[in-house]
């Protein structure tokens, strides 16, 4: 499980990227790179990292579900994810 501060930092970056998205797009379209440099660093979507929504784990992230493979396996085996079951043949 990731530290609370790391998860909070990620949430802050997500909020800032969403907040400045329209402004960044307008400045990029206008070609005003000097103004783009003056925006906060955390407003850039490149700084976002895919993390598990429940634990904050950065590795083994499953984009479709938004959680890590470890949590996905636990939830699937407990029947908490609809339509997912363990394969057997």
N, C-alpha and C. Protein backbone atom coordinates (compact mmCIF):
# COMPACT_ATOMS: atom_id res chain seq x y z
N UNK A 1 0.84 -1.18 0.00
CA UNK A 1 0.00 0.00 0.00
C UNK A 1 0.89 1.24 0.00
N UNK A 2 0.55 2.18 -0.85
CA UNK A 2 1.33 3.40 -0.96
C UNK A 2 1.06 4.32 0.23
N UNK A 3 2.03 5.18 0.48
CA UNK A 3 1.86 6.14 1.57
C UNK A 3 0.71 7.09 1.24
N UNK A 4 0.08 7.59 2.27
CA UNK A 4 -1.05 8.49 2.10
C UNK A 4 -0.62 9.76 1.37
N UNK A 5 0.60 10.23 1.65
CA UNK A 5 1.08 11.45 1.00
C UNK A 5 1.25 11.27 -0.50
N UNK A 6 1.66 10.06 -0.93
CA UNK A 6 1.84 9.79 -2.35
C UNK A 6 0.49 9.77 -3.05
N UNK A 7 -0.50 9.15 -2.40
CA UNK A 7 -1.85 9.11 -2.98
C UNK A 7 -2.45 10.51 -3.05
N UNK A 8 -2.22 11.32 -2.02
CA UNK A 8 -2.74 12.69 -2.00
C UNK A 8 -2.08 13.53 -3.09
N UNK A 9 -0.80 13.34 -3.30
CA UNK A 9 -0.08 14.07 -4.34
C UNK A 9 -0.64 13.73 -5.72
N UNK A 10 -0.94 12.45 -5.93
CA UNK A 10 -1.51 12.01 -7.20
C UNK A 10 -2.89 12.63 -7.43
N UNK A 11 -3.71 12.66 -6.39
CA UNK A 11 -5.05 13.26 -6.51
C UNK A 11 -4.94 14.75 -6.85
N UNK A 12 -3.97 15.43 -6.23
CA UNK A 12 -3.76 16.85 -6.49
C UNK A 12 -3.37 17.07 -7.95
N UNK A 13 -2.49 16.22 -8.47
CA UNK A 13 -2.08 16.33 -9.86
C UNK A 13 -3.25 16.09 -10.81
N UNK A 14 -4.11 15.12 -10.47
CA UNK A 14 -5.28 14.85 -11.31
C UNK A 14 -6.22 16.05 -11.35
N UNK A 15 -6.44 16.66 -10.18
CA UNK A 15 -7.30 17.85 -10.12
C UNK A 15 -6.72 19.00 -10.93
N UNK A 16 -5.42 19.24 -10.79
CA UNK A 16 -4.79 20.35 -11.50
C UNK A 16 -4.77 20.11 -13.00
N UNK A 17 -4.53 18.89 -13.43
CA UNK A 17 -4.53 18.58 -14.87
C UNK A 17 -5.91 18.82 -15.46
N UNK A 18 -6.95 18.45 -14.73
CA UNK A 18 -8.32 18.67 -15.21
C UNK A 18 -8.65 20.17 -15.22
N UNK A 19 -8.18 20.88 -14.22
CA UNK A 19 -8.48 22.30 -14.08
C UNK A 19 -7.85 23.12 -15.22
N UNK A 20 -6.63 22.78 -15.60
CA UNK A 20 -5.91 23.54 -16.61
C UNK A 20 -5.99 22.93 -18.00
N UNK A 21 -6.79 21.92 -18.21
CA UNK A 21 -6.83 21.22 -19.50
C UNK A 21 -7.24 22.14 -20.64
N UNK A 22 -8.31 22.90 -20.45
CA UNK A 22 -8.79 23.79 -21.51
C UNK A 22 -7.78 24.89 -21.80
N UNK A 23 -7.20 25.45 -20.75
CA UNK A 23 -6.23 26.53 -20.92
C UNK A 23 -4.99 26.02 -21.64
N UNK A 24 -4.52 24.81 -21.29
CA UNK A 24 -3.36 24.23 -21.96
C UNK A 24 -3.64 24.00 -23.44
N UNK A 25 -4.83 23.49 -23.74
CA UNK A 25 -5.19 23.22 -25.13
C UNK A 25 -5.23 24.51 -25.94
N UNK A 26 -5.78 25.57 -25.35
CA UNK A 26 -5.86 26.86 -26.05
C UNK A 26 -4.47 27.44 -26.29
N UNK A 27 -3.60 27.36 -25.28
CA UNK A 27 -2.25 27.89 -25.43
C UNK A 27 -1.44 27.08 -26.45
N UNK A 28 -1.63 25.77 -26.46
CA UNK A 28 -0.93 24.94 -27.43
C UNK A 28 -1.40 25.25 -28.85
N UNK A 29 -2.71 25.43 -29.02
CA UNK A 29 -3.25 25.74 -30.34
C UNK A 29 -2.74 27.08 -30.84
N UNK A 30 -2.58 28.04 -29.91
CA UNK A 30 -2.09 29.37 -30.28
C UNK A 30 -0.58 29.37 -30.46
N UNK A 31 0.10 28.35 -29.97
CA UNK A 31 1.55 28.28 -30.09
C UNK A 31 2.28 29.16 -29.09
N UNK A 32 1.60 29.50 -28.00
CA UNK A 32 2.18 30.38 -26.97
C UNK A 32 2.91 29.53 -25.93
N UNK A 33 4.13 29.13 -26.24
CA UNK A 33 4.87 28.22 -25.37
C UNK A 33 5.44 28.93 -24.15
N UNK A 34 5.62 30.23 -24.23
CA UNK A 34 6.10 30.99 -23.07
C UNK A 34 5.04 30.97 -21.97
N UNK A 35 3.78 31.11 -22.36
CA UNK A 35 2.69 31.07 -21.37
C UNK A 35 2.51 29.64 -20.83
N UNK A 36 2.75 28.64 -21.67
CA UNK A 36 2.66 27.24 -21.21
C UNK A 36 3.69 26.97 -20.13
N UNK A 37 4.87 27.56 -20.27
CA UNK A 37 5.93 27.37 -19.27
C UNK A 37 5.55 27.96 -17.92
N UNK A 38 4.69 28.96 -17.93
CA UNK A 38 4.32 29.63 -16.68
C UNK A 38 3.22 28.91 -15.91
N UNK A 39 2.59 27.92 -16.55
CA UNK A 39 1.58 27.13 -15.84
C UNK A 39 2.28 26.25 -14.80
N UNK A 40 1.55 25.83 -13.76
CA UNK A 40 2.17 24.95 -12.75
C UNK A 40 2.62 23.63 -13.37
N UNK A 41 3.71 23.08 -12.83
CA UNK A 41 4.24 21.82 -13.34
C UNK A 41 3.22 20.69 -13.21
N UNK A 42 2.50 20.68 -12.10
CA UNK A 42 1.55 19.60 -11.86
C UNK A 42 0.30 19.70 -12.73
N UNK A 43 0.18 20.77 -13.51
CA UNK A 43 -0.96 20.91 -14.40
C UNK A 43 -0.76 20.10 -15.68
N UNK A 44 0.43 19.58 -15.88
CA UNK A 44 0.71 18.80 -17.08
C UNK A 44 0.22 17.37 -16.91
N UNK A 45 -0.54 16.85 -17.88
CA UNK A 45 -1.03 15.47 -17.76
C UNK A 45 0.07 14.43 -17.85
N UNK A 46 1.26 14.81 -18.33
CA UNK A 46 2.37 13.88 -18.44
C UNK A 46 2.85 13.45 -17.06
N UNK A 47 2.65 14.28 -16.05
CA UNK A 47 3.12 13.98 -14.71
C UNK A 47 2.22 12.99 -13.97
N UNK A 48 1.08 12.64 -14.55
CA UNK A 48 0.17 11.68 -13.92
C UNK A 48 0.73 10.27 -14.06
N UNK A 49 0.52 9.46 -13.04
CA UNK A 49 0.95 8.06 -13.05
C UNK A 49 -0.27 7.21 -12.77
N UNK A 50 -0.45 6.15 -13.54
CA UNK A 50 -1.56 5.24 -13.28
C UNK A 50 -1.33 4.53 -11.96
N UNK A 51 -2.25 4.70 -11.03
CA UNK A 51 -2.15 4.07 -9.71
C UNK A 51 -3.47 3.40 -9.38
N UNK A 52 -3.38 2.35 -8.57
CA UNK A 52 -4.56 1.65 -8.09
C UNK A 52 -5.43 2.62 -7.29
N UNK A 53 -6.73 2.61 -7.55
CA UNK A 53 -7.64 3.51 -6.86
C UNK A 53 -7.79 3.17 -5.38
N UNK A 54 -7.56 1.92 -5.02
CA UNK A 54 -7.76 1.48 -3.64
C UNK A 54 -6.49 1.54 -2.81
N UNK A 55 -5.37 1.09 -3.39
CA UNK A 55 -4.14 1.02 -2.60
C UNK A 55 -3.08 2.02 -3.01
N UNK A 56 -3.16 2.56 -4.21
CA UNK A 56 -2.15 3.49 -4.68
C UNK A 56 -0.95 2.81 -5.29
N UNK A 57 -1.02 1.50 -5.48
CA UNK A 57 0.11 0.74 -6.05
C UNK A 57 0.35 1.18 -7.50
N UNK A 58 1.60 1.55 -7.85
CA UNK A 58 1.87 2.04 -9.20
C UNK A 58 2.15 0.94 -10.22
N UNK A 59 2.54 -0.25 -9.77
CA UNK A 59 2.88 -1.32 -10.70
C UNK A 59 1.74 -2.33 -10.78
N UNK A 60 1.63 -2.99 -11.91
CA UNK A 60 0.60 -4.00 -12.09
C UNK A 60 -0.79 -3.38 -12.21
N UNK A 61 -0.87 -2.20 -12.80
CA UNK A 61 -2.14 -1.47 -12.91
C UNK A 61 -2.94 -2.00 -14.09
N UNK A 62 -4.21 -2.30 -13.87
CA UNK A 62 -5.09 -2.76 -14.93
C UNK A 62 -6.00 -1.60 -15.31
N UNK A 63 -5.75 -1.03 -16.49
CA UNK A 63 -6.39 0.20 -16.92
C UNK A 63 -7.92 0.06 -17.01
N UNK A 64 -8.39 -1.08 -17.48
CA UNK A 64 -9.83 -1.27 -17.67
C UNK A 64 -10.59 -1.19 -16.35
N UNK A 65 -9.99 -1.69 -15.28
CA UNK A 65 -10.66 -1.71 -13.98
C UNK A 65 -10.20 -0.59 -13.06
N UNK A 66 -9.02 -0.02 -13.31
CA UNK A 66 -8.51 1.06 -12.48
C UNK A 66 -7.92 0.61 -11.16
N UNK A 67 -7.59 -0.68 -11.08
CA UNK A 67 -7.00 -1.22 -9.85
C UNK A 67 -5.79 -2.08 -10.20
N UNK A 68 -5.00 -2.43 -9.18
CA UNK A 68 -3.82 -3.24 -9.42
C UNK A 68 -4.21 -4.72 -9.55
N UNK A 69 -3.29 -5.49 -10.07
CA UNK A 69 -3.55 -6.91 -10.29
C UNK A 69 -3.80 -7.65 -8.99
N UNK A 70 -3.15 -7.22 -7.90
CA UNK A 70 -3.30 -7.89 -6.61
C UNK A 70 -4.73 -7.72 -6.09
N UNK A 71 -5.20 -6.48 -6.11
CA UNK A 71 -6.56 -6.18 -5.65
C UNK A 71 -7.59 -6.79 -6.59
N UNK A 72 -7.29 -6.77 -7.90
CA UNK A 72 -8.20 -7.37 -8.87
C UNK A 72 -8.42 -8.85 -8.57
N UNK A 73 -7.32 -9.55 -8.28
CA UNK A 73 -7.42 -10.99 -8.00
C UNK A 73 -8.25 -11.25 -6.75
N UNK A 74 -7.99 -10.49 -5.69
CA UNK A 74 -8.76 -10.66 -4.46
C UNK A 74 -10.25 -10.40 -4.68
N UNK A 75 -10.54 -9.31 -5.38
CA UNK A 75 -11.94 -8.96 -5.62
C UNK A 75 -12.63 -9.97 -6.53
N UNK A 76 -11.92 -10.46 -7.53
CA UNK A 76 -12.50 -11.44 -8.46
C UNK A 76 -12.79 -12.75 -7.75
N UNK A 77 -11.87 -13.20 -6.89
CA UNK A 77 -12.07 -14.46 -6.18
C UNK A 77 -13.20 -14.35 -5.15
N UNK A 78 -13.42 -13.14 -4.62
CA UNK A 78 -14.51 -12.93 -3.66
C UNK A 78 -15.83 -12.62 -4.34
N UNK A 79 -15.83 -12.55 -5.68
CA UNK A 79 -17.06 -12.29 -6.43
C UNK A 79 -17.50 -10.84 -6.38
N UNK A 80 -16.58 -9.91 -6.17
CA UNK A 80 -16.95 -8.50 -6.06
C UNK A 80 -16.90 -7.77 -7.39
N UNK A 81 -16.38 -8.43 -8.44
CA UNK A 81 -16.35 -7.81 -9.76
C UNK A 81 -17.33 -8.58 -10.64
N UNK A 82 -18.41 -7.96 -11.07
CA UNK A 82 -19.42 -8.66 -11.87
C UNK A 82 -18.87 -9.14 -13.21
N UNK A 83 -19.21 -10.36 -13.55
CA UNK A 83 -18.82 -10.92 -14.84
C UNK A 83 -17.42 -11.50 -14.89
N UNK A 84 -16.70 -11.48 -13.77
CA UNK A 84 -15.34 -12.01 -13.76
C UNK A 84 -15.31 -13.23 -12.86
N UNK A 85 -14.78 -14.33 -13.39
CA UNK A 85 -14.62 -15.52 -12.57
C UNK A 85 -13.34 -16.21 -12.97
N UNK A 86 -12.85 -17.06 -12.12
CA UNK A 86 -11.60 -17.77 -12.38
C UNK A 86 -11.80 -18.77 -13.49
N UNK A 87 -10.85 -18.77 -14.41
CA UNK A 87 -10.94 -19.69 -15.54
C UNK A 87 -10.52 -21.10 -15.11
N UNK A 88 -11.19 -22.07 -15.69
CA UNK A 88 -10.79 -23.47 -15.46
C UNK A 88 -11.14 -24.28 -16.70
N UNK A 89 -10.22 -25.15 -17.12
CA UNK A 89 -10.47 -26.00 -18.29
C UNK A 89 -9.76 -27.30 -18.18
